[in-house]
Amino acid sequence: MLAKIVLKSQKITQVIEPISVYSDLSSFKLYTGDVGLLTMRSEVPWQSVQAGEGHALVGAITENYVAQQLASKDYPLC
Protein backbone atom coordinates (compact mmCIF):
# COMPACT_ATOMS: atom_id res chain seq x y z
CA MET A 1 0.00 0.00 0.00
CA LEU A 2 1.30 3.44 -0.91
CA ALA A 3 1.25 6.27 1.62
CA LYS A 4 0.37 8.86 -1.09
CA ILE A 5 2.14 11.65 0.79
CA VAL A 6 3.23 13.06 -2.56
CA LEU A 7 1.26 12.58 -5.78
CA LYS A 8 3.10 12.70 -9.11
CA SER A 9 1.48 13.71 -12.39
CA GLN A 10 3.35 13.26 -15.68
CA LYS A 11 2.96 15.79 -18.47
CA ILE A 12 1.11 14.35 -21.47
CA THR A 13 2.23 15.57 -24.91
CA GLN A 14 -0.84 14.33 -26.82
CA VAL A 15 -4.28 13.20 -25.74
CA ILE A 16 -4.34 9.96 -27.71
CA GLU A 17 -4.83 6.41 -26.39
CA PRO A 18 -2.82 4.91 -24.80
CA ILE A 19 -1.90 8.00 -22.81
CA SER A 20 1.12 6.32 -21.20
CA VAL A 21 2.87 6.30 -24.59
CA TYR A 22 2.68 10.11 -24.73
CA SER A 23 4.02 10.78 -21.23
CA ASP A 24 6.91 13.24 -21.08
CA LEU A 25 9.04 11.59 -18.38
CA SER A 26 11.19 14.72 -17.95
CA SER A 27 8.23 16.95 -17.04
CA PHE A 28 5.89 16.38 -14.11
CA LYS A 29 4.03 18.05 -11.24
CA LEU A 30 4.03 17.04 -7.61
CA TYR A 31 0.98 17.45 -5.43
CA THR A 32 0.73 17.01 -1.69
CA GLY A 33 -1.50 14.21 -0.46
CA ASP A 34 -3.02 16.47 2.22
CA VAL A 35 -4.64 19.65 0.89
CA GLY A 36 -5.54 20.74 4.44
CA LEU A 37 -1.87 20.75 5.40
CA LEU A 38 -1.03 22.60 2.17
CA THR A 39 -3.65 25.25 2.93
CA MET A 40 -2.36 25.69 6.47
CA ARG A 41 1.27 25.99 5.32
CA SER A 42 0.32 28.47 2.57
CA GLU A 43 -1.19 30.83 5.18
CA VAL A 44 -4.12 31.52 2.84
CA PRO A 45 -7.32 31.70 4.92
CA TRP A 46 -9.51 28.63 4.25
CA GLN A 47 -12.50 30.94 3.77
CA SER A 48 -10.68 32.57 0.83
CA VAL A 49 -10.05 29.18 -0.76
CA GLN A 50 -13.67 28.15 -0.26
CA ALA A 51 -14.96 31.43 -1.73
CA GLY A 52 -12.40 31.41 -4.58
CA GLU A 53 -11.20 34.86 -3.59
CA GLY A 54 -8.21 36.69 -4.98
CA HIS A 55 -5.17 35.00 -3.48
CA ALA A 56 -2.61 33.87 -6.03
CA LEU A 57 -2.39 30.42 -4.41
CA VAL A 58 -6.12 29.62 -4.54
CA GLY A 59 -5.80 28.10 -8.02
CA ALA A 60 -2.85 25.94 -6.97
CA ILE A 61 -4.66 24.77 -3.84
CA THR A 62 -7.76 23.96 -5.90
CA GLU A 63 -5.68 22.04 -8.46
CA ASN A 64 -4.04 20.11 -5.61
CA TYR A 65 -7.48 19.32 -4.13
CA VAL A 66 -8.68 17.90 -7.46
CA ALA A 67 -5.52 15.79 -7.81
CA GLN A 68 -5.94 14.50 -4.25
CA GLN A 69 -9.58 13.56 -4.85
CA LEU A 70 -8.79 11.78 -8.13
CA ALA A 71 -5.94 9.85 -6.51
CA SER A 72 -8.15 8.86 -3.58
CA LYS A 73 -10.51 7.18 -6.09
CA ASP A 74 -7.54 5.44 -7.75
CA TYR A 75 -7.71 7.49 -10.95
CA PRO A 76 -4.25 7.81 -12.51
CA LEU A 77 -2.81 11.33 -12.59
CA CYS A 78 -0.77 10.25 -15.66
PDB file of N, CA and C in Angstrom:
ATOM      1  N   MET A   1       0.845  -1.185   0.000  1.00  0.00           N
ATOM      2  CA  MET A   1       0.000   0.000   0.000  1.00  0.00           C
ATOM      3  C   MET A   1       0.884   1.240   0.000  1.00  0.00           C
ATOM      4  N   LEU A   2       0.545   2.201  -0.826  1.00  0.00           N
ATOM      5  CA  LEU A   2       1.300   3.439  -0.906  1.00  0.00           C
ATOM      6  C   LEU A   2       0.759   4.456   0.084  1.00  0.00           C
ATOM      7  N   ALA A   3       1.653   5.260   0.647  1.00  0.00           N
ATOM      8  CA  ALA A   3       1.246   6.274   1.616  1.00  0.00           C
ATOM      9  C   ALA A   3       0.581   7.470   0.935  1.00  0.00           C
ATOM     10  N   LYS A   4       0.915   7.732  -0.317  1.00  0.00           N
ATOM     11  CA  LYS A   4       0.369   8.856  -1.089  1.00  0.00           C
ATOM     12  C   LYS A   4       0.593  10.194  -0.400  1.00  0.00           C
ATOM     13  N   ILE A   5       1.781  10.378   0.189  1.00  0.00           N
ATOM     14  CA  ILE A   5       2.140  11.652   0.792  1.00  0.00           C
ATOM     15  C   ILE A   5       2.371  12.677  -0.305  1.00  0.00           C
ATOM     16  N   VAL A   6       2.991  12.227  -1.391  1.00  0.00           N
ATOM     17  CA  VAL A   6       3.227  13.064  -2.561  1.00  0.00           C
ATOM     18  C   VAL A   6       2.605  12.358  -3.758  1.00  0.00           C
ATOM     19  N   LEU A   7       1.894  13.121  -4.573  1.00  0.00           N
ATOM     20  CA  LEU A   7       1.255  12.584  -5.777  1.00  0.00           C
ATOM     21  C   LEU A   7       1.982  13.147  -6.995  1.00  0.00           C
ATOM     22  N   LYS A   8       2.357  12.287  -7.924  1.00  0.00           N
ATOM     23  CA  LYS A   8       3.102  12.705  -9.109  1.00  0.00           C
ATOM     24  C   LYS A   8       2.208  12.611 -10.336  1.00  0.00           C
ATOM     25  N   SER A   9       2.255  13.660 -11.155  1.00  0.00           N
ATOM     26  CA  SER A   9       1.482  13.707 -12.392  1.00  0.00           C
ATOM     27  C   SER A   9       2.428  13.998 -13.554  1.00  0.00           C
ATOM     28  N   GLN A  10       2.503  13.078 -14.506  1.00  0.00           N
ATOM     29  CA  GLN A  10       3.351  13.263 -15.684  1.00  0.00           C
ATOM     30  C   GLN A  10       2.672  14.196 -16.680  1.00  0.00           C
ATOM     31  N   LYS A  11       3.468  14.970 -17.384  1.00  0.00           N
ATOM     32  CA  LYS A  11       2.956  15.790 -18.472  1.00  0.00           C
ATOM     33  C   LYS A  11       2.653  14.878 -19.658  1.00  0.00           C
ATOM     34  N   ILE A  12       1.518  15.108 -20.292  1.00  0.00           N
ATOM     35  CA  ILE A  12       1.109  14.347 -21.471  1.00  0.00           C
ATOM     36  C   ILE A  12       1.282  15.247 -22.694  1.00  0.00           C
ATOM     37  N   THR A  13       1.973  14.752 -23.723  1.00  0.00           N
ATOM     38  CA  THR A  13       2.229  15.568 -24.908  1.00  0.00           C
ATOM     39  C   THR A  13       1.080  15.546 -25.908  1.00  0.00           C
ATOM     40  N   GLN A  14       0.314  14.446 -25.934  1.00  0.00           N
ATOM     41  CA  GLN A  14      -0.839  14.330 -26.823  1.00  0.00           C
ATOM     42  C   GLN A  14      -1.925  13.529 -26.126  1.00  0.00           C
ATOM     43  N   VAL A  15      -3.159  13.910 -26.358  1.00  0.00           N
ATOM     44  CA  VAL A  15      -4.281  13.196 -25.742  1.00  0.00           C
ATOM     45  C   VAL A  15      -4.788  12.141 -26.725  1.00  0.00           C
ATOM     46  N   ILE A  16      -4.021  11.070 -26.820  1.00  0.00           N
ATOM     47  CA  ILE A  16      -4.336   9.956 -27.709  1.00  0.00           C
ATOM     48  C   ILE A  16      -4.099   8.674 -26.918  1.00  0.00           C
ATOM     49  N   GLU A  17      -4.979   7.702 -27.076  1.00  0.00           N
ATOM     50  CA  GLU A  17      -4.827   6.409 -26.394  1.00  0.00           C
ATOM     51  C   GLU A  17      -3.672   5.628 -26.994  1.00  0.00           C
ATOM     52  N   PRO A  18      -2.911   4.910 -26.253  1.00  0.00           N
ATOM     53  CA  PRO A  18      -2.823   4.906 -24.802  1.00  0.00           C
ATOM     54  C   PRO A  18      -2.002   6.106 -24.316  1.00  0.00           C
ATOM     55  N   ILE A  19      -2.518   6.770 -23.319  1.00  0.00           N
ATOM     56  CA  ILE A  19      -1.900   8.000 -22.809  1.00  0.00           C
ATOM     57  C   ILE A  19      -0.477   7.757 -22.321  1.00  0.00           C
ATOM     58  N   SER A  20      -0.212   6.598 -21.752  1.00  0.00           N
ATOM     59  CA  SER A  20       1.122   6.319 -21.201  1.00  0.00           C
ATOM     60  C   SER A  20       2.226   6.426 -22.258  1.00  0.00           C
ATOM     61  N   VAL A  21       1.888   6.200 -23.508  1.00  0.00           N
ATOM     62  CA  VAL A  21       2.870   6.303 -24.590  1.00  0.00           C
ATOM     63  C   VAL A  21       3.298   7.753 -24.795  1.00  0.00           C
ATOM     64  N   TYR A  22       2.416   8.691 -24.490  1.00  0.00           N
ATOM     65  CA  TYR A  22       2.676  10.105 -24.734  1.00  0.00           C
ATOM     66  C   TYR A  22       3.073  10.861 -23.470  1.00  0.00           C
ATOM     67  N   SER A  23       3.544  10.148 -22.460  1.00  0.00           N
ATOM     68  CA  SER A  23       4.022  10.780 -21.231  1.00  0.00           C
ATOM     69  C   SER A  23       5.411  11.355 -21.456  1.00  0.00           C
ATOM     70  N   ASP A  24       5.594  12.599 -21.047  1.00  0.00           N
ATOM     71  CA  ASP A  24       6.907  13.236 -21.078  1.00  0.00           C
ATOM     72  C   ASP A  24       7.555  12.977 -19.720  1.00  0.00           C
ATOM     73  N   LEU A  25       8.458  12.018 -19.650  1.00  0.00           N
ATOM     74  CA  LEU A  25       9.041  11.592 -18.380  1.00  0.00           C
ATOM     75  C   LEU A  25       9.941  12.647 -17.745  1.00  0.00           C
ATOM     76  N   SER A  26      10.333  13.671 -18.506  1.00  0.00           N
ATOM     77  CA  SER A  26      11.188  14.721 -17.955  1.00  0.00           C
ATOM     78  C   SER A  26      10.384  15.887 -17.381  1.00  0.00           C
ATOM     79  N   SER A  27       9.069  15.846 -17.510  1.00  0.00           N
ATOM     80  CA  SER A  27       8.227  16.947 -17.045  1.00  0.00           C
ATOM     81  C   SER A  27       7.068  16.396 -16.223  1.00  0.00           C
ATOM     82  N   PHE A  28       6.945  16.874 -14.994  1.00  0.00           N
ATOM     83  CA  PHE A  28       5.891  16.380 -14.115  1.00  0.00           C
ATOM     84  C   PHE A  28       5.551  17.425 -13.062  1.00  0.00           C
ATOM     85  N   LYS A  29       4.431  17.223 -12.378  1.00  0.00           N
ATOM     86  CA  LYS A  29       4.027  18.049 -11.242  1.00  0.00           C
ATOM     87  C   LYS A  29       3.928  17.155 -10.022  1.00  0.00           C
ATOM     88  N   LEU A  30       4.217  17.736  -8.874  1.00  0.00           N
ATOM     89  CA  LEU A  30       4.032  17.037  -7.613  1.00  0.00           C
ATOM     90  C   LEU A  30       2.927  17.728  -6.836  1.00  0.00           C
ATOM     91  N   TYR A  31       2.053  16.934  -6.267  1.00  0.00           N
ATOM     92  CA  TYR A  31       0.977  17.446  -5.428  1.00  0.00           C
ATOM     93  C   TYR A  31       1.119  16.834  -4.047  1.00  0.00           C
ATOM     94  N   THR A  32       0.715  17.563  -3.035  1.00  0.00           N
ATOM     95  CA  THR A  32       0.729  17.008  -1.689  1.00  0.00           C
ATOM     96  C   THR A  32      -0.508  16.141  -1.494  1.00  0.00           C
ATOM     97  N   GLY A  33      -0.377  15.107  -0.715  1.00  0.00           N
ATOM     98  CA  GLY A  33      -1.495  14.205  -0.456  1.00  0.00           C
ATOM     99  C   GLY A  33      -2.467  14.741   0.578  1.00  0.00           C
ATOM    100  N   ASP A  34      -2.170  15.895   1.167  1.00  0.00           N
ATOM    101  CA  ASP A  34      -3.020  16.469   2.216  1.00  0.00           C
ATOM    102  C   ASP A  34      -3.251  17.948   1.923  1.00  0.00           C
ATOM    103  N   VAL A  35      -4.363  18.262   1.278  1.00  0.00           N
ATOM    104  CA  VAL A  35      -4.642  19.648   0.891  1.00  0.00           C
ATOM    105  C   VAL A  35      -4.890  20.538   2.111  1.00  0.00           C
ATOM    106  N   GLY A  36      -5.357  19.961   3.207  1.00  0.00           N
ATOM    107  CA  GLY A  36      -5.535  20.736   4.440  1.00  0.00           C
ATOM    108  C   GLY A  36      -4.208  21.231   4.972  1.00  0.00           C
ATOM    109  N   LEU A  37      -3.207  20.367   4.967  1.00  0.00           N
ATOM    110  CA  LEU A  37      -1.867  20.754   5.399  1.00  0.00           C
ATOM    111  C   LEU A  37      -1.282  21.792   4.448  1.00  0.00           C
ATOM    112  N   LEU A  38      -1.493  21.625   3.153  1.00  0.00           N
ATOM    113  CA  LEU A  38      -1.027  22.597   2.167  1.00  0.00           C
ATOM    114  C   LEU A  38      -1.655  23.961   2.416  1.00  0.00           C
ATOM    115  N   THR A  39      -2.954  23.987   2.674  1.00  0.00           N
ATOM    116  CA  THR A  39      -3.651  25.248   2.931  1.00  0.00           C
ATOM    117  C   THR A  39      -3.102  25.916   4.181  1.00  0.00           C
ATOM    118  N   MET A  40      -2.888  25.138   5.235  1.00  0.00           N
ATOM    119  CA  MET A  40      -2.355  25.695   6.470  1.00  0.00           C
ATOM    120  C   MET A  40      -0.957  26.273   6.251  1.00  0.00           C
ATOM    121  N   ARG A  41      -0.100  25.534   5.547  1.00  0.00           N
ATOM    122  CA  ARG A  41       1.275  25.992   5.317  1.00  0.00           C
ATOM    123  C   ARG A  41       1.330  27.194   4.375  1.00  0.00           C
ATOM    124  N   SER A  42       0.334  27.351   3.507  1.00  0.00           N
ATOM    125  CA  SER A  42       0.323  28.475   2.569  1.00  0.00           C
ATOM    126  C   SER A  42      -0.091  29.776   3.242  1.00  0.00           C
ATOM    127  N   GLU A  43      -0.698  29.679   4.419  1.00  0.00           N
ATOM    128  CA  GLU A  43      -1.192  30.826   5.184  1.00  0.00           C
ATOM    129  C   GLU A  43      -2.303  31.588   4.456  1.00  0.00           C
ATOM    130  N   VAL A  44      -2.942  30.950   3.498  1.00  0.00           N
ATOM    131  CA  VAL A  44      -4.121  31.519   2.844  1.00  0.00           C
ATOM    132  C   VAL A  44      -5.322  31.109   3.684  1.00  0.00           C
ATOM    133  N   PRO A  45      -6.154  32.069   4.115  1.00  0.00           N
ATOM    134  CA  PRO A  45      -7.321  31.697   4.922  1.00  0.00           C
ATOM    135  C   PRO A  45      -8.224  30.711   4.172  1.00  0.00           C
ATOM    136  N   TRP A  46      -8.668  29.662   4.869  1.00  0.00           N
ATOM    137  CA  TRP A  46      -9.507  28.634   4.253  1.00  0.00           C
ATOM    138  C   TRP A  46     -10.764  29.255   3.655  1.00  0.00           C
ATOM    139  N   GLN A  47     -11.298  30.291   4.285  1.00  0.00           N
ATOM    140  CA  GLN A  47     -12.500  30.945   3.769  1.00  0.00           C
ATOM    141  C   GLN A  47     -12.239  31.537   2.380  1.00  0.00           C
ATOM    142  N   SER A  48     -11.032  32.031   2.148  1.00  0.00           N
ATOM    143  CA  SER A  48     -10.683  32.570   0.828  1.00  0.00           C
ATOM    144  C   SER A  48     -10.628  31.467  -0.219  1.00  0.00           C
ATOM    145  N   VAL A  49     -10.107  30.314   0.172  1.00  0.00           N
ATOM    146  CA  VAL A  49     -10.046  29.180  -0.758  1.00  0.00           C
ATOM    147  C   VAL A  49     -11.458  28.728  -1.096  1.00  0.00           C
ATOM    148  N   GLN A  50     -12.295  28.611  -0.067  1.00  0.00           N
ATOM    149  CA  GLN A  50     -13.669  28.151  -0.259  1.00  0.00           C
ATOM    150  C   GLN A  50     -14.460  29.114  -1.145  1.00  0.00           C
ATOM    151  N   ALA A  51     -14.225  30.418  -0.964  1.00  0.00           N
ATOM    152  CA  ALA A  51     -14.956  31.425  -1.735  1.00  0.00           C
ATOM    153  C   ALA A  51     -14.313  31.690  -3.095  1.00  0.00           C
ATOM    154  N   GLY A  52     -13.095  31.167  -3.317  1.00  0.00           N
ATOM    155  CA  GLY A  52     -12.398  31.406  -4.582  1.00  0.00           C
ATOM    156  C   GLY A  52     -11.903  32.826  -4.714  1.00  0.00           C
ATOM    157  N   GLU A  53     -11.615  33.458  -3.583  1.00  0.00           N
ATOM    158  CA  GLU A  53     -11.205  34.863  -3.594  1.00  0.00           C
ATOM    159  C   GLU A  53      -9.746  35.017  -3.975  1.00  0.00           C
ATOM    160  N   GLY A  54      -9.413  36.214  -4.351  1.00  0.00           N
ATOM    161  CA  GLY A  54      -8.211  36.694  -4.981  1.00  0.00           C
ATOM    162  C   GLY A  54      -6.813  36.371  -4.532  1.00  0.00           C
ATOM    163  N   HIS A  55      -6.554  35.350  -3.779  1.00  0.00           N
ATOM    164  CA  HIS A  55      -5.168  34.999  -3.477  1.00  0.00           C
ATOM    165  C   HIS A  55      -4.565  34.251  -4.660  1.00  0.00           C
ATOM    166  N   ALA A  56      -3.294  34.509  -4.906  1.00  0.00           N
ATOM    167  CA  ALA A  56      -2.612  33.867  -6.033  1.00  0.00           C
ATOM    168  C   ALA A  56      -2.533  32.350  -5.874  1.00  0.00           C
ATOM    169  N   LEU A  57      -2.543  31.855  -4.646  1.00  0.00           N
ATOM    170  CA  LEU A  57      -2.390  30.422  -4.408  1.00  0.00           C
ATOM    171  C   LEU A  57      -3.698  29.641  -4.448  1.00  0.00           C
ATOM    172  N   VAL A  58      -4.832  30.326  -4.560  1.00  0.00           N
ATOM    173  CA  VAL A  58      -6.122  29.624  -4.539  1.00  0.00           C
ATOM    174  C   VAL A  58      -6.223  28.631  -5.695  1.00  0.00           C
ATOM    175  N   GLY A  59      -5.762  29.005  -6.876  1.00  0.00           N
ATOM    176  CA  GLY A  59      -5.800  28.099  -8.024  1.00  0.00           C
ATOM    177  C   GLY A  59      -4.936  26.871  -7.809  1.00  0.00           C
ATOM    178  N   ALA A  60      -3.749  27.069  -7.238  1.00  0.00           N
ATOM    179  CA  ALA A  60      -2.847  25.943  -6.969  1.00  0.00           C
ATOM    180  C   ALA A  60      -3.431  25.017  -5.910  1.00  0.00           C
ATOM    181  N   ILE A  61      -4.048  25.591  -4.886  1.00  0.00           N
ATOM    182  CA  ILE A  61      -4.663  24.774  -3.839  1.00  0.00           C
ATOM    183  C   ILE A  61      -5.841  23.995  -4.412  1.00  0.00           C
ATOM    184  N   THR A  62      -6.625  24.633  -5.269  1.00  0.00           N
ATOM    185  CA  THR A  62      -7.762  23.962  -5.903  1.00  0.00           C
ATOM    186  C   THR A  62      -7.286  22.825  -6.806  1.00  0.00           C
ATOM    187  N   GLU A  63      -6.248  23.075  -7.591  1.00  0.00           N
ATOM    188  CA  GLU A  63      -5.677  22.036  -8.458  1.00  0.00           C
ATOM    189  C   GLU A  63      -5.171  20.859  -7.624  1.00  0.00           C
ATOM    190  N   ASN A  64      -4.536  21.161  -6.497  1.00  0.00           N
ATOM    191  CA  ASN A  64      -4.042  20.108  -5.608  1.00  0.00           C
ATOM    192  C   ASN A  64      -5.206  19.312  -5.023  1.00  0.00           C
ATOM    193  N   TYR A  65      -6.292  20.001  -4.670  1.00  0.00           N
ATOM    194  CA  TYR A  65      -7.478  19.323  -4.128  1.00  0.00           C
ATOM    195  C   TYR A  65      -8.047  18.337  -5.152  1.00  0.00           C
ATOM    196  N   VAL A  66      -8.154  18.770  -6.400  1.00  0.00           N
ATOM    197  CA  VAL A  66      -8.683  17.896  -7.456  1.00  0.00           C
ATOM    198  C   VAL A  66      -7.771  16.681  -7.646  1.00  0.00           C
ATOM    199  N   ALA A  67      -6.457  16.904  -7.666  1.00  0.00           N
ATOM    200  CA  ALA A  67      -5.518  15.786  -7.806  1.00  0.00           C
ATOM    201  C   ALA A  67      -5.649  14.816  -6.640  1.00  0.00           C
ATOM    202  N   GLN A  68      -5.789  15.354  -5.439  1.00  0.00           N
ATOM    203  CA  GLN A  68      -5.938  14.504  -4.252  1.00  0.00           C
ATOM    204  C   GLN A  68      -7.211  13.670  -4.334  1.00  0.00           C
ATOM    205  N   GLN A  69      -8.312  14.284  -4.756  1.00  0.00           N
ATOM    206  CA  GLN A  69      -9.577  13.560  -4.850  1.00  0.00           C
ATOM    207  C   GLN A  69      -9.523  12.479  -5.929  1.00  0.00           C
ATOM    208  N   LEU A  70      -8.924  12.785  -7.075  1.00  0.00           N
ATOM    209  CA  LEU A  70      -8.785  11.778  -8.134  1.00  0.00           C
ATOM    210  C   LEU A  70      -7.931  10.603  -7.660  1.00  0.00           C
ATOM    211  N   ALA A  71      -6.822  10.908  -7.004  1.00  0.00           N
ATOM    212  CA  ALA A  71      -5.935   9.849  -6.511  1.00  0.00           C
ATOM    213  C   ALA A  71      -6.620   8.998  -5.447  1.00  0.00           C
ATOM    214  N   SER A  72      -7.467   9.620  -4.632  1.00  0.00           N
ATOM    215  CA  SER A  72      -8.154   8.855  -3.578  1.00  0.00           C
ATOM    216  C   SER A  72      -9.148   7.853  -4.164  1.00  0.00           C
ATOM    217  N   LYS A  73      -9.600   8.099  -5.393  1.00  0.00           N
ATOM    218  CA  LYS A  73     -10.510   7.176  -6.088  1.00  0.00           C
ATOM    219  C   LYS A  73      -9.755   6.276  -7.061  1.00  0.00           C
ATOM    220  N   ASP A  74      -8.431   6.269  -6.934  1.00  0.00           N
ATOM    221  CA  ASP A  74      -7.537   5.440  -7.754  1.00  0.00           C
ATOM    222  C   ASP A  74      -7.553   5.781  -9.242  1.00  0.00           C
ATOM    223  N   TYR A  75      -7.864   7.042  -9.573  1.00  0.00           N
ATOM    224  CA  TYR A  75      -7.709   7.493 -10.953  1.00  0.00           C
ATOM    225  C   TYR A  75      -6.245   7.851 -11.165  1.00  0.00           C
ATOM    226  N   PRO A  76      -5.656   7.462 -12.275  1.00  0.00           N
ATOM    227  CA  PRO A  76      -4.250   7.814 -12.513  1.00  0.00           C
ATOM    228  C   PRO A  76      -4.113   9.306 -12.819  1.00  0.00           C
ATOM    229  N   LEU A  77      -3.073   9.920 -12.288  1.00  0.00           N
ATOM    230  CA  LEU A  77      -2.815  11.328 -12.586  1.00  0.00           C
ATOM    231  C   LEU A  77      -1.954  11.475 -13.835  1.00  0.00           C
ATOM    232  N   CYS A  78      -1.585  10.357 -14.445  1.00  0.00           N
ATOM    233  CA  CYS A  78      -0.773  10.247 -15.664  1.00  0.00           C
ATOM    234  C   CYS A  78       0.602  10.809 -15.509  1.00  0.00           C
TER     235      CYS A  78
END
